[in-house]
Amino acid sequence: MKKALIALAVLGLTGGAAVAQSSVTLFGVIDADVKYVKTGSLKVKKLDSSGLNTSRFGVRGTEDLGGGLKAGFWLESEINTDTGVAGAASGGAFWARRSTISLSGDFGEVRLGRNKTVSRLHLEDFDPTAFTGLGSVSAVYSNLGSGNGTSFGRADNLLSYSLPGNLGGFYGGVDVSAGEGTGTNKGQSVRAGYKAGPLHVSGAYASTSNAGDNSKYKLMSVGAAYDFGVFRPSLSYTENKYLSRKQQIVTASVTAPLGQGQLWAAYTDAKANASAETTVTGYTAIGDAKLFAAGYIYNVSKRTALYTTYSQLKNDGAARFAVAGAPAATANGLKSQGFDVGVRHSF
């Protein structure tokens, strides 16, 4: 009798909604590292956040609606471990990493809300750092003065669709983001790939613009990887275009199991065409750059890992790129590099 009364009391407090929910999970990652970075003669030693994985916390849940149909939600926010404040990428929005509601079933999944674009997911799959930390290849990606970077980032007002996961290794997705009459990026991206056994191939295309500039920024990328067991090489090619400006980026990488962890290395060559290397009103020229990064991740347990990373970025011409967390370049052609040691725990 007591148990029945307690159950009724809980049901009354929750209005029945939480009881009907199939599952609700609190999850997150806490990641901190000690870092030394340098650009030109400028040096910084600091305690930093998100050296291996972005520090974050979130809540997600699903409800079984019957007939193979499920409803889901996902709220996720970034945290700077070193200061405890919201991550710099949030732009002041609390759930800026992801805030989506979805319906899924035999038809696939439809999501509504702020999320990563499918083109960003493609780029992450062929970067050993998944676009995070000191060795991230995102350091050399440019929006070419367009003001539109969601092709390799996250987008507001996003409607996305993903194919079901029972297609024999084939997968795909498409998304559309609405500008809603403001300066917010509007655009679309599509991705298709095959991942089964040791082989993974993928391609993506995206275009974005905003209310202040109807000229579209376009991104096209292809990638392939093959897992031989003892090591996994991967190769990707990306081309960014805006007006007559163009940037071509090639990344070759390898990961290999070593002891209780994983060793990885990546080399990226980014080249800009003549238009991208020319400064005009409202646009600062970029140049060519070469990025080398390597690291080791030691898994203390399933949830906790120690890691170290070394990264070096060589700028050429008008390039002023810098590795993550390093001081901004004060002149063209400076070298940027860094080294870190950190710990990551997931829950």
C-alpha atoms as a PDB file:
ATOM      1  CA  MET A   1       0.000   0.000   0.000  1.00  0.00           C
ATOM      2  CA  LYS A   2       2.841   2.376   0.899  1.00  0.00           C
ATOM      3  CA  LYS A   3       4.565   1.718  -2.432  1.00  0.00           C
ATOM      4  CA  ALA A   4       1.360   2.451  -4.321  1.00  0.00           C
ATOM      5  CA  LEU A   5       0.873   5.731  -2.460  1.00  0.00           C
ATOM      6  CA  ILE A   6       4.488   6.756  -3.155  1.00  0.00           C
ATOM      7  CA  ALA A   7       4.069   5.964  -6.856  1.00  0.00           C
ATOM      8  CA  LEU A   8       0.873   8.043  -7.011  1.00  0.00           C
ATOM      9  CA  ALA A   9       2.625  10.930  -5.249  1.00  0.00           C
ATOM     10  CA  VAL A  10       5.520  10.875  -7.750  1.00  0.00           C
ATOM     11  CA  LEU A  11       3.034  10.716 -10.626  1.00  0.00           C
ATOM     12  CA  GLY A  12       1.222  13.741  -9.238  1.00  0.00           C
ATOM     13  CA  LEU A  13       4.426  15.760  -8.885  1.00  0.00           C
ATOM     14  CA  THR A  14       5.554  15.008 -12.427  1.00  0.00           C
ATOM     15  CA  GLY A  15       2.197  15.274 -14.111  1.00  0.00           C
ATOM     16  CA  GLY A  16       2.793  11.808 -15.579  1.00  0.00           C
ATOM     17  CA  ALA A  17       5.201  13.110 -18.232  1.00  0.00           C
ATOM     18  CA  ALA A  18       8.446  11.891 -16.670  1.00  0.00           C
ATOM     19  CA  VAL A  19       6.942   8.494 -15.861  1.00  0.00           C
ATOM     20  CA  ALA A  20       5.881   8.031 -19.492  1.00  0.00           C
ATOM     21  CA  GLN A  21       9.370   8.915 -20.723  1.00  0.00           C
ATOM     22  CA  SER A  22      11.238   5.785 -21.811  1.00  0.00           C
ATOM     23  CA  SER A  23      14.619   7.151 -20.746  1.00  0.00           C
ATOM     24  CA  VAL A  24      16.302  10.385 -19.677  1.00  0.00           C
ATOM     25  CA  THR A  25      20.099  10.540 -19.407  1.00  0.00           C
ATOM     26  CA  LEU A  26      22.417  13.142 -17.917  1.00  0.00           C
ATOM     27  CA  PHE A  27      25.772  12.953 -19.721  1.00  0.00           C
ATOM     28  CA  GLY A  28      28.915  14.940 -20.259  1.00  0.00           C
ATOM     29  CA  VAL A  29      32.674  15.285 -20.649  1.00  0.00           C
ATOM     30  CA  ILE A  30      35.146  17.115 -18.435  1.00  0.00           C
ATOM     31  CA  ASP A  31      38.455  17.760 -20.190  1.00  0.00           C
ATOM     32  CA  ALA A  32      41.372  19.904 -19.036  1.00  0.00           C
ATOM     33  CA  ASP A  33      44.967  20.257 -20.206  1.00  0.00           C
ATOM     34  CA  VAL A  34      48.174  22.102 -19.401  1.00  0.00           C
ATOM     35  CA  LYS A  35      49.257  23.826 -22.585  1.00  0.00           C
ATOM     36  CA  TYR A  36      52.230  25.699 -24.013  1.00  0.00           C
ATOM     37  CA  VAL A  37      51.528  27.541 -27.272  1.00  0.00           C
ATOM     38  CA  LYS A  38      53.507  29.972 -29.370  1.00  0.00           C
ATOM     39  CA  THR A  39      52.863  32.107 -32.459  1.00  0.00           C
ATOM     40  CA  GLY A  40      55.900  33.957 -33.738  1.00  0.00           C
ATOM     41  CA  SER A  41      57.585  35.357 -30.613  1.00  0.00           C
ATOM     42  CA  LEU A  42      54.367  35.402 -28.554  1.00  0.00           C
ATOM     43  CA  LYS A  43      54.241  32.615 -25.983  1.00  0.00           C
ATOM     44  CA  VAL A  44      51.512  31.474 -23.602  1.00  0.00           C
ATOM     45  CA  LYS A  45      51.502  28.872 -20.819  1.00  0.00           C
ATOM     46  CA  LYS A  46      48.054  28.057 -19.485  1.00  0.00           C
ATOM     47  CA  LEU A  47      45.526  25.648 -18.099  1.00  0.00           C
ATOM     48  CA  ASP A  48      42.957  25.142 -20.829  1.00  0.00           C
ATOM     49  CA  SER A  49      39.784  23.222 -21.633  1.00  0.00           C
ATOM     50  CA  SER A  50      38.793  20.714 -24.327  1.00  0.00           C
ATOM     51  CA  GLY A  51      42.213  19.488 -25.407  1.00  0.00           C
ATOM     52  CA  LEU A  52      40.918  16.081 -26.505  1.00  0.00           C
ATOM     53  CA  ASN A  53      37.118  16.342 -26.397  1.00  0.00           C
ATOM     54  CA  THR A  54      34.980  19.428 -25.863  1.00  0.00           C
ATOM     55  CA  SER A  55      33.975  19.796 -22.197  1.00  0.00           C
ATOM     56  CA  ARG A  56      30.200  19.702 -21.988  1.00  0.00           C
ATOM     57  CA  PHE A  57      27.135  18.471 -20.204  1.00  0.00           C
ATOM     58  CA  GLY A  58      23.676  17.664 -21.443  1.00  0.00           C
ATOM     59  CA  VAL A  59      20.377  15.896 -21.057  1.00  0.00           C
ATOM     60  CA  ARG A  60      18.875  13.570 -23.654  1.00  0.00           C
ATOM     61  CA  GLY A  61      15.890  11.283 -23.722  1.00  0.00           C
ATOM     62  CA  THR A  62      13.644   9.077 -25.840  1.00  0.00           C
ATOM     63  CA  GLU A  63      10.056   7.906 -25.646  1.00  0.00           C
ATOM     64  CA  ASP A  64       8.751   4.793 -27.374  1.00  0.00           C
ATOM     65  CA  LEU A  65       5.564   5.807 -29.181  1.00  0.00           C
ATOM     66  CA  GLY A  66       4.816   2.286 -30.432  1.00  0.00           C
ATOM     67  CA  GLY A  67       4.926   0.830 -33.910  1.00  0.00           C
ATOM     68  CA  GLY A  68       8.683   1.445 -34.168  1.00  0.00           C
ATOM     69  CA  LEU A  69       8.220   5.222 -33.763  1.00  0.00           C
ATOM     70  CA  LYS A  70      10.250   7.129 -31.162  1.00  0.00           C
ATOM     71  CA  ALA A  71      10.352  10.729 -29.994  1.00  0.00           C
ATOM     72  CA  GLY A  72      13.580  12.201 -28.669  1.00  0.00           C
ATOM     73  CA  PHE A  73      15.174  15.358 -27.333  1.00  0.00           C
ATOM     74  CA  TRP A  74      18.789  16.478 -26.831  1.00  0.00           C
ATOM     75  CA  LEU A  75      20.034  19.544 -24.935  1.00  0.00           C
ATOM     76  CA  GLU A  76      23.805  20.112 -24.712  1.00  0.00           C
ATOM     77  CA  SER A  77      25.966  22.974 -23.448  1.00  0.00           C
ATOM     78  CA  GLU A  78      29.722  23.641 -23.537  1.00  0.00           C
ATOM     79  CA  ILE A  79      31.749  24.342 -20.411  1.00  0.00           C
ATOM     80  CA  ASN A  80      35.207  25.862 -20.089  1.00  0.00           C
ATOM     81  CA  THR A  81      36.760  23.556 -17.490  1.00  0.00           C
ATOM     82  CA  ASP A  82      39.450  26.067 -16.521  1.00  0.00           C
ATOM     83  CA  THR A  83      36.987  28.848 -15.631  1.00  0.00           C
ATOM     84  CA  GLY A  84      33.611  27.145 -15.233  1.00  0.00           C
ATOM     85  CA  VAL A  85      31.900  29.580 -17.594  1.00  0.00           C
ATOM     86  CA  ALA A  86      30.018  28.721 -20.773  1.00  0.00           C
ATOM     87  CA  GLY A  87      32.240  27.790 -23.700  1.00  0.00           C
ATOM     88  CA  ALA A  88      33.421  30.481 -26.097  1.00  0.00           C
ATOM     89  CA  ALA A  89      31.613  28.792 -28.979  1.00  0.00           C
ATOM     90  CA  SER A  90      28.262  29.283 -27.277  1.00  0.00           C
ATOM     91  CA  GLY A  91      27.989  32.958 -28.187  1.00  0.00           C
ATOM     92  CA  GLY A  92      25.917  33.515 -25.055  1.00  0.00           C
ATOM     93  CA  ALA A  93      23.393  30.771 -25.793  1.00  0.00           C
ATOM     94  CA  PHE A  94      23.195  28.184 -23.011  1.00  0.00           C
ATOM     95  CA  TRP A  95      22.324  25.105 -25.123  1.00  0.00           C
ATOM     96  CA  ALA A  96      24.459  26.234 -28.064  1.00  0.00           C
ATOM     97  CA  ARG A  97      26.076  22.862 -28.796  1.00  0.00           C
ATOM     98  CA  ARG A  98      22.771  21.184 -29.494  1.00  0.00           C
ATOM     99  CA  SER A  99      19.078  21.711 -28.818  1.00  0.00           C
ATOM    100  CA  THR A 100      16.932  19.337 -30.882  1.00  0.00           C
ATOM    101  CA  ILE A 101      13.689  17.412 -30.844  1.00  0.00           C
ATOM    102  CA  SER A 102      13.279  14.427 -33.143  1.00  0.00           C
ATOM    103  CA  LEU A 103      11.077  11.668 -34.496  1.00  0.00           C
ATOM    104  CA  SER A 104      12.626   8.405 -35.682  1.00  0.00           C
ATOM    105  CA  GLY A 105      11.439   5.117 -37.086  1.00  0.00           C
ATOM    106  CA  ASP A 106      11.829   2.780 -40.044  1.00  0.00           C
ATOM    107  CA  PHE A 107      11.874   5.871 -42.281  1.00  0.00           C
ATOM    108  CA  GLY A 108      14.985   7.299 -40.592  1.00  0.00           C
ATOM    109  CA  GLU A 109      15.134  10.336 -38.309  1.00  0.00           C
ATOM    110  CA  VAL A 110      13.901  13.932 -38.571  1.00  0.00           C
ATOM    111  CA  ARG A 111      15.433  16.526 -36.235  1.00  0.00           C
ATOM    112  CA  LEU A 112      14.462  20.132 -35.538  1.00  0.00           C
ATOM    113  CA  GLY A 113      16.677  22.680 -33.784  1.00  0.00           C
ATOM    114  CA  ARG A 114      20.289  23.792 -33.460  1.00  0.00           C
ATOM    115  CA  ASN A 115      22.761  21.075 -34.380  1.00  0.00           C
ATOM    116  CA  LYS A 116      25.898  20.209 -36.354  1.00  0.00           C
ATOM    117  CA  THR A 117      25.433  20.242 -40.113  1.00  0.00           C
ATOM    118  CA  VAL A 118      25.938  16.949 -41.948  1.00  0.00           C
ATOM    119  CA  SER A 119      28.909  18.530 -43.761  1.00  0.00           C
ATOM    120  CA  ARG A 120      30.558  19.187 -40.372  1.00  0.00           C
ATOM    121  CA  LEU A 121      29.942  15.558 -39.334  1.00  0.00           C
ATOM    122  CA  HIS A 122      31.659  14.438 -42.541  1.00  0.00           C
ATOM    123  CA  LEU A 123      34.737  16.593 -41.860  1.00  0.00           C
ATOM    124  CA  GLU A 124      35.027  15.286 -38.294  1.00  0.00           C
ATOM    125  CA  ASP A 125      35.077  11.672 -39.450  1.00  0.00           C
ATOM    126  CA  PHE A 126      38.353  12.156 -41.353  1.00  0.00           C
ATOM    127  CA  ASP A 127      40.183  14.269 -38.785  1.00  0.00           C
ATOM    128  CA  PRO A 128      41.704  12.221 -35.918  1.00  0.00           C
ATOM    129  CA  THR A 129      40.893  15.090 -33.535  1.00  0.00           C
ATOM    130  CA  ALA A 130      37.286  15.409 -34.766  1.00  0.00           C
ATOM    131  CA  PHE A 131      37.860  19.174 -35.188  1.00  0.00           C
ATOM    132  CA  THR A 132      38.778  19.561 -31.490  1.00  0.00           C
ATOM    133  CA  GLY A 133      41.900  20.588 -29.614  1.00  0.00           C
ATOM    134  CA  LEU A 134      45.459  21.549 -30.422  1.00  0.00           C
ATOM    135  CA  GLY A 135      45.763  19.395 -33.547  1.00  0.00           C
ATOM    136  CA  SER A 136      42.399  20.199 -35.107  1.00  0.00           C
ATOM    137  CA  VAL A 137      42.474  20.783 -38.878  1.00  0.00           C
ATOM    138  CA  SER A 138      39.801  23.459 -38.357  1.00  0.00           C
ATOM    139  CA  ALA A 139      42.726  25.813 -37.646  1.00  0.00           C
ATOM    140  CA  VAL A 140      43.345  26.226 -41.394  1.00  0.00           C
ATOM    141  CA  TYR A 141      39.731  26.384 -42.608  1.00  0.00           C
ATOM    142  CA  SER A 142      38.594  29.803 -43.838  1.00  0.00           C
ATOM    143  CA  ASN A 143      35.164  31.216 -44.691  1.00  0.00           C
ATOM    144  CA  LEU A 144      36.985  33.387 -47.273  1.00  0.00           C
ATOM    145  CA  GLY A 145      35.412  36.588 -45.995  1.00  0.00           C
ATOM    146  CA  SER A 146      31.841  35.390 -46.512  1.00  0.00           C
ATOM    147  CA  GLY A 147      30.750  35.516 -42.869  1.00  0.00           C
ATOM    148  CA  ASN A 148      29.341  32.010 -43.327  1.00  0.00           C
ATOM    149  CA  GLY A 149      31.041  29.205 -41.461  1.00  0.00           C
ATOM    150  CA  THR A 150      28.153  26.865 -40.665  1.00  0.00           C
ATOM    151  CA  SER A 151      29.175  24.564 -43.526  1.00  0.00           C
ATOM    152  CA  PHE A 152      31.891  23.352 -41.156  1.00  0.00           C
ATOM    153  CA  GLY A 153      30.104  24.155 -37.902  1.00  0.00           C
ATOM    154  CA  ARG A 154      26.670  24.272 -36.309  1.00  0.00           C
ATOM    155  CA  ALA A 155      23.533  25.971 -37.523  1.00  0.00           C
ATOM    156  CA  ASP A 156      20.462  27.557 -35.947  1.00  0.00           C
ATOM    157  CA  ASN A 157      16.942  26.871 -37.234  1.00  0.00           C
ATOM    158  CA  LEU A 158      18.037  23.510 -38.647  1.00  0.00           C
ATOM    159  CA  LEU A 159      15.735  20.900 -40.168  1.00  0.00           C
ATOM    160  CA  SER A 160      17.628  17.673 -40.825  1.00  0.00           C
ATOM    161  CA  TYR A 161      16.859  14.188 -42.060  1.00  0.00           C
ATOM    162  CA  SER A 162      19.003  11.039 -41.728  1.00  0.00           C
ATOM    163  CA  LEU A 163      18.484   7.742 -43.543  1.00  0.00           C
ATOM    164  CA  PRO A 164      17.707   4.651 -41.409  1.00  0.00           C
ATOM    165  CA  GLY A 165      20.655   2.597 -40.206  1.00  0.00           C
ATOM    166  CA  ASN A 166      19.652  -0.697 -41.834  1.00  0.00           C
ATOM    167  CA  LEU A 167      20.854  -0.046 -45.384  1.00  0.00           C
ATOM    168  CA  GLY A 168      23.797  -2.453 -45.422  1.00  0.00           C
ATOM    169  CA  GLY A 169      26.419   0.150 -44.576  1.00  0.00           C
ATOM    170  CA  PHE A 170      25.038   2.954 -46.742  1.00  0.00           C
ATOM    171  CA  TYR A 171      24.022   6.135 -44.919  1.00  0.00           C
ATOM    172  CA  GLY A 172      23.151   9.712 -45.697  1.00  0.00           C
ATOM    173  CA  GLY A 173      21.593  12.920 -44.501  1.00  0.00           C
ATOM    174  CA  VAL A 174      20.427  16.339 -45.573  1.00  0.00           C
ATOM    175  CA  ASP A 175      19.712  19.544 -43.660  1.00  0.00           C
ATOM    176  CA  VAL A 176      18.315  23.004 -44.318  1.00  0.00           C
ATOM    177  CA  SER A 177      18.737  26.052 -42.078  1.00  0.00           C
ATOM    178  CA  ALA A 178      16.452  29.068 -42.321  1.00  0.00           C
ATOM    179  CA  GLY A 179      17.838  32.606 -42.091  1.00  0.00           C
ATOM    180  CA  GLU A 180      14.445  33.849 -40.846  1.00  0.00           C
ATOM    181  CA  GLY A 181      14.969  37.310 -42.287  1.00  0.00           C
ATOM    182  CA  THR A 182      17.988  38.181 -40.101  1.00  0.00           C
ATOM    183  CA  GLY A 183      21.772  37.969 -40.377  1.00  0.00           C
ATOM    184  CA  THR A 184      21.648  34.318 -39.340  1.00  0.00           C
ATOM    185  CA  ASN A 185      23.197  31.944 -41.835  1.00  0.00           C
ATOM    186  CA  LYS A 186      20.795  30.169 -44.140  1.00  0.00           C
ATOM    187  CA  GLY A 187      21.901  27.180 -46.111  1.00  0.00           C
ATOM    188  CA  GLN A 188      21.745  23.532 -46.923  1.00  0.00           C
ATOM    189  CA  SER A 189      24.073  20.551 -46.887  1.00  0.00           C
ATOM    190  CA  VAL A 190      23.923  16.942 -47.970  1.00  0.00           C
ATOM    191  CA  ARG A 191      26.057  13.911 -47.175  1.00  0.00           C
ATOM    192  CA  ALA A 192      26.229  10.324 -48.421  1.00  0.00           C
ATOM    193  CA  GLY A 193      28.577   7.522 -47.466  1.00  0.00           C
ATOM    194  CA  TYR A 194      29.295   3.850 -46.931  1.00  0.00           C
ATOM    195  CA  LYS A 195      30.695   2.388 -43.708  1.00  0.00           C
ATOM    196  CA  ALA A 196      30.952  -1.367 -43.252  1.00  0.00           C
ATOM    197  CA  GLY A 197      33.770  -3.555 -41.978  1.00  0.00           C
ATOM    198  CA  PRO A 198      37.124  -1.781 -42.390  1.00  0.00           C
ATOM    199  CA  LEU A 199      36.021   0.573 -45.187  1.00  0.00           C
ATOM    200  CA  HIS A 200      34.572   4.055 -44.795  1.00  0.00           C
ATOM    201  CA  VAL A 201      33.959   6.488 -47.666  1.00  0.00           C
ATOM    202  CA  SER A 202      31.932   9.695 -47.550  1.00  0.00           C
ATOM    203  CA  GLY A 203      31.159  12.840 -49.513  1.00  0.00           C
ATOM    204  CA  ALA A 204      29.473  16.119 -48.548  1.00  0.00           C
ATOM    205  CA  TYR A 205      28.356  19.355 -50.177  1.00  0.00           C
ATOM    206  CA  ALA A 206      27.131  22.540 -48.490  1.00  0.00           C
ATOM    207  CA  SER A 207      26.260  26.134 -49.324  1.00  0.00           C
ATOM    208  CA  THR A 208      25.436  29.017 -46.981  1.00  0.00           C
ATOM    209  CA  SER A 209      24.616  32.716 -47.182  1.00  0.00           C
ATOM    210  CA  ASN A 210      22.992  35.398 -45.033  1.00  0.00           C
ATOM    211  CA  ALA A 211      20.658  38.336 -45.356  1.00  0.00           C
ATOM    212  CA  GLY A 212      23.540  40.788 -45.779  1.00  0.00           C
ATOM    213  CA  ASP A 213      25.218  38.809 -48.565  1.00  0.00           C
ATOM    214  CA  ASN A 214      23.357  36.700 -51.123  1.00  0.00           C
ATOM    215  CA  SER A 215      26.569  35.303 -52.618  1.00  0.00           C
ATOM    216  CA  LYS A 216      26.920  31.726 -51.412  1.00  0.00           C
ATOM    217  CA  TYR A 217      29.858  30.195 -49.618  1.00  0.00           C
ATOM    218  CA  LYS A 218      30.256  26.622 -50.901  1.00  0.00           C
ATOM    219  CA  LEU A 219      32.047  23.602 -49.484  1.00  0.00           C
ATOM    220  CA  MET A 220      32.669  20.264 -51.183  1.00  0.00           C
ATOM    221  CA  SER A 221      34.518  17.425 -49.485  1.00  0.00           C
ATOM    222  CA  VAL A 222      35.283  13.722 -49.986  1.00  0.00           C
ATOM    223  CA  GLY A 223      37.053  11.318 -47.660  1.00  0.00           C
ATOM    224  CA  ALA A 224      38.054   7.676 -47.347  1.00  0.00           C
ATOM    225  CA  ALA A 225      39.550   5.470 -44.631  1.00  0.00           C
ATOM    226  CA  TYR A 226      40.441   1.803 -44.292  1.00  0.00           C
ATOM    227  CA  ASP A 227      41.125  -0.021 -41.032  1.00  0.00           C
ATOM    228  CA  PHE A 228      43.871  -2.649 -41.413  1.00  0.00           C
ATOM    229  CA  GLY A 229      43.665  -3.516 -37.722  1.00  0.00           C
ATOM    230  CA  VAL A 230      47.218  -2.539 -36.882  1.00  0.00           C
ATOM    231  CA  PHE A 231      46.646   0.955 -38.303  1.00  0.00           C
ATOM    232  CA  ARG A 232      43.922   3.012 -40.014  1.00  0.00           C
ATOM    233  CA  PRO A 233      44.956   5.500 -42.720  1.00  0.00           C
ATOM    234  CA  SER A 234      42.533   8.134 -44.002  1.00  0.00           C
ATOM    235  CA  LEU A 235      42.576  10.819 -46.674  1.00  0.00           C
ATOM    236  CA  SER A 236      40.241  13.759 -47.292  1.00  0.00           C
ATOM    237  CA  TYR A 237      39.998  16.575 -49.823  1.00  0.00           C
ATOM    238  CA  THR A 238      37.975  19.737 -49.216  1.00  0.00           C
ATOM    239  CA  GLU A 239      37.368  22.729 -51.467  1.00  0.00           C
ATOM    240  CA  ASN A 240      35.900  26.013 -50.173  1.00  0.00           C
ATOM    241  CA  LYS A 241      34.636  28.696 -52.570  1.00  0.00           C
ATOM    242  CA  TYR A 242      33.272  32.217 -52.193  1.00  0.00           C
ATOM    243  CA  LEU A 243      33.028  34.626 -55.117  1.00  0.00           C
ATOM    244  CA  SER A 244      36.323  34.090 -57.018  1.00  0.00           C
ATOM    245  CA  ARG A 245      38.185  33.009 -53.860  1.00  0.00           C
ATOM    246  CA  LYS A 246      39.025  29.359 -53.348  1.00  0.00           C
ATOM    247  CA  GLN A 247      40.793  27.254 -50.746  1.00  0.00           C
ATOM    248  CA  GLN A 248      41.817  23.608 -51.200  1.00  0.00           C
ATOM    249  CA  ILE A 249      42.609  21.455 -48.161  1.00  0.00           C
ATOM    250  CA  VAL A 250      44.092  17.945 -48.165  1.00  0.00           C
ATOM    251  CA  THR A 251      44.431  15.967 -44.926  1.00  0.00           C
ATOM    252  CA  ALA A 252      46.253  12.654 -44.620  1.00  0.00           C
ATOM    253  CA  SER A 253      46.168  10.916 -41.253  1.00  0.00           C
ATOM    254  CA  VAL A 254      46.776   7.617 -39.519  1.00  0.00           C
ATOM    255  CA  THR A 255      45.647   6.126 -36.219  1.00  0.00           C
ATOM    256  CA  ALA A 256      47.035   2.979 -34.603  1.00  0.00           C
ATOM    257  CA  PRO A 257      46.318   1.092 -31.381  1.00  0.00           C
ATOM    258  CA  LEU A 258      49.273   1.128 -28.992  1.00  0.00           C
ATOM    259  CA  GLY A 259      49.094  -0.477 -25.567  1.00  0.00           C
ATOM    260  CA  GLN A 260      45.973   0.702 -23.734  1.00  0.00           C
ATOM    261  CA  GLY A 261      45.568   3.621 -26.071  1.00  0.00           C
ATOM    262  CA  GLN A 262      45.848   5.061 -29.530  1.00  0.00           C
ATOM    263  CA  LEU A 263      48.635   6.823 -31.407  1.00  0.00           C
ATOM    264  CA  TRP A 264      47.674   9.251 -34.170  1.00  0.00           C
ATOM    265  CA  ALA A 265      49.266  11.681 -36.606  1.00  0.00           C
ATOM    266  CA  ALA A 266      47.901  14.006 -39.293  1.00  0.00           C
ATOM    267  CA  TYR A 267      49.302  16.259 -42.006  1.00  0.00           C
ATOM    268  CA  THR A 268      47.216  18.969 -43.673  1.00  0.00           C
ATOM    269  CA  ASP A 269      48.130  21.092 -46.688  1.00  0.00           C
ATOM    270  CA  ALA A 270      45.892  24.147 -47.285  1.00  0.00           C
ATOM    271  CA  LYS A 271      46.287  26.218 -50.445  1.00  0.00           C
ATOM    272  CA  ALA A 272      44.598  29.476 -51.432  1.00  0.00           C
ATOM    273  CA  ASN A 273      44.175  30.759 -54.997  1.00  0.00           C
ATOM    274  CA  ALA A 274      45.287  34.208 -56.194  1.00  0.00           C
ATOM    275  CA  SER A 275      41.932  35.863 -55.391  1.00  0.00           C
ATOM    276  CA  ALA A 276      41.959  34.511 -51.835  1.00  0.00           C
ATOM    277  CA  GLU A 277      45.498  35.867 -51.424  1.00  0.00           C
ATOM    278  CA  THR A 278      44.469  39.412 -52.422  1.00  0.00           C
ATOM    279  CA  THR A 279      43.240  41.899 -49.812  1.00  0.00           C
ATOM    280  CA  VAL A 280      40.274  44.042 -50.871  1.00  0.00           C
ATOM    281  CA  THR A 281      37.847  46.275 -48.987  1.00  0.00           C
ATOM    282  CA  GLY A 282      36.113  44.186 -46.328  1.00  0.00           C
ATOM    283  CA  TYR A 283      38.358  41.167 -46.813  1.00  0.00           C
ATOM    284  CA  THR A 284      41.784  40.298 -45.412  1.00  0.00           C
ATOM    285  CA  ALA A 285      43.809  37.977 -47.606  1.00  0.00           C
ATOM    286  CA  ILE A 286      44.827  34.477 -46.556  1.00  0.00           C
ATOM    287  CA  GLY A 287      47.710  32.353 -47.810  1.00  0.00           C
ATOM    288  CA  ASP A 288      48.895  28.769 -47.812  1.00  0.00           C
ATOM    289  CA  ALA A 289      49.488  26.747 -44.657  1.00  0.00           C
ATOM    290  CA  LYS A 290      50.801  23.358 -43.594  1.00  0.00           C
ATOM    291  CA  LEU A 291      49.708  21.731 -40.342  1.00  0.00           C
ATOM    292  CA  PHE A 292      51.329  18.726 -38.694  1.00  0.00           C
ATOM    293  CA  ALA A 293      49.945  17.225 -35.495  1.00  0.00           C
ATOM    294  CA  ALA A 294      50.469  14.034 -33.525  1.00  0.00           C
ATOM    295  CA  GLY A 295      49.320  12.670 -30.205  1.00  0.00           C
ATOM    296  CA  TYR A 296      48.765   9.735 -27.933  1.00  0.00           C
ATOM    297  CA  ILE A 297      45.640   8.841 -25.934  1.00  0.00           C
ATOM    298  CA  TYR A 298      46.085   6.456 -22.979  1.00  0.00           C
ATOM    299  CA  ASN A 299      42.859   4.900 -21.717  1.00  0.00           C
ATOM    300  CA  VAL A 300      43.043   4.545 -17.941  1.00  0.00           C
ATOM    301  CA  SER A 301      39.489   3.140 -18.029  1.00  0.00           C
ATOM    302  CA  LYS A 302      36.457   3.186 -20.315  1.00  0.00           C
ATOM    303  CA  ARG A 303      35.600   6.671 -19.068  1.00  0.00           C
ATOM    304  CA  THR A 304      38.961   8.272 -18.293  1.00  0.00           C
ATOM    305  CA  ALA A 305      41.925   8.975 -20.557  1.00  0.00           C
ATOM    306  CA  LEU A 306      45.251  10.774 -20.369  1.00  0.00           C
ATOM    307  CA  TYR A 307      46.538  12.429 -23.552  1.00  0.00           C
ATOM    308  CA  THR A 308      49.272  14.514 -25.076  1.00  0.00           C
ATOM    309  CA  THR A 309      49.391  16.434 -28.353  1.00  0.00           C
ATOM    310  CA  TYR A 310      51.996  18.285 -30.379  1.00  0.00           C
ATOM    311  CA  SER A 311      50.977  20.581 -33.230  1.00  0.00           C
ATOM    312  CA  GLN A 312      52.902  22.821 -35.646  1.00  0.00           C
ATOM    313  CA  LEU A 313      51.418  25.159 -38.247  1.00  0.00           C
ATOM    314  CA  LYS A 314      53.578  26.836 -40.899  1.00  0.00           C
ATOM    315  CA  ASN A 315      52.046  29.861 -42.632  1.00  0.00           C
ATOM    316  CA  ASP A 316      53.100  31.088 -46.045  1.00  0.00           C
ATOM    317  CA  GLY A 317      52.375  34.317 -47.884  1.00  0.00           C
ATOM    318  CA  ALA A 318      49.523  36.267 -46.307  1.00  0.00           C
ATOM    319  CA  ALA A 319      48.456  33.381 -44.038  1.00  0.00           C
ATOM    320  CA  ARG A 320      47.954  34.140 -40.329  1.00  0.00           C
ATOM    321  CA  PHE A 321      46.468  30.883 -39.077  1.00  0.00           C
ATOM    322  CA  ALA A 322      47.225  29.676 -35.542  1.00  0.00           C
ATOM    323  CA  VAL A 323      46.812  26.386 -33.706  1.00  0.00           C
ATOM    324  CA  ALA A 324      43.957  26.195 -31.197  1.00  0.00           C
ATOM    325  CA  GLY A 325      44.573  28.263 -28.070  1.00  0.00           C
ATOM    326  CA  ALA A 326      47.658  30.021 -29.448  1.00  0.00           C
ATOM    327  CA  PRO A 327      48.076  33.817 -29.665  1.00  0.00           C
ATOM    328  CA  ALA A 328      46.797  35.388 -32.875  1.00  0.00           C
ATOM    329  CA  ALA A 329      49.439  36.075 -35.512  1.00  0.00           C
ATOM    330  CA  THR A 330      50.568  39.702 -35.663  1.00  0.00           C
ATOM    331  CA  ALA A 331      52.228  39.374 -39.072  1.00  0.00           C
ATOM    332  CA  ASN A 332      52.027  37.249 -42.189  1.00  0.00           C
ATOM    333  CA  GLY A 333      53.884  33.961 -42.483  1.00  0.00           C
ATOM    334  CA  LEU A 334      54.533  33.319 -38.789  1.00  0.00           C
ATOM    335  CA  LYS A 335      54.814  29.805 -37.384  1.00  0.00           C
ATOM    336  CA  SER A 336      52.339  28.666 -34.720  1.00  0.00           C
ATOM    337  CA  GLN A 337      52.889  25.611 -32.552  1.00  0.00           C
ATOM    338  CA  GLY A 338      52.008  24.038 -29.231  1.00  0.00           C
ATOM    339  CA  PHE A 339      52.207  21.096 -26.858  1.00  0.00           C
ATOM    340  CA  ASP A 340      49.776  19.884 -24.206  1.00  0.00           C
ATOM    341  CA  VAL A 341      49.180  17.175 -21.593  1.00  0.00           C
ATOM    342  CA  GLY A 342      45.664  16.587 -20.328  1.00  0.00           C
ATOM    343  CA  VAL A 343      43.000  14.364 -18.818  1.00  0.00           C
ATOM    344  CA  ARG A 344      39.469  13.641 -20.002  1.00  0.00           C
ATOM    345  CA  HIS A 345      36.619  12.001 -18.092  1.00  0.00           C
ATOM    346  CA  SER A 346      33.216  11.200 -19.549  1.00  0.00           C
ATOM    347  CA  PHE A 347      30.031  10.411 -17.642  1.00  0.00           C
END
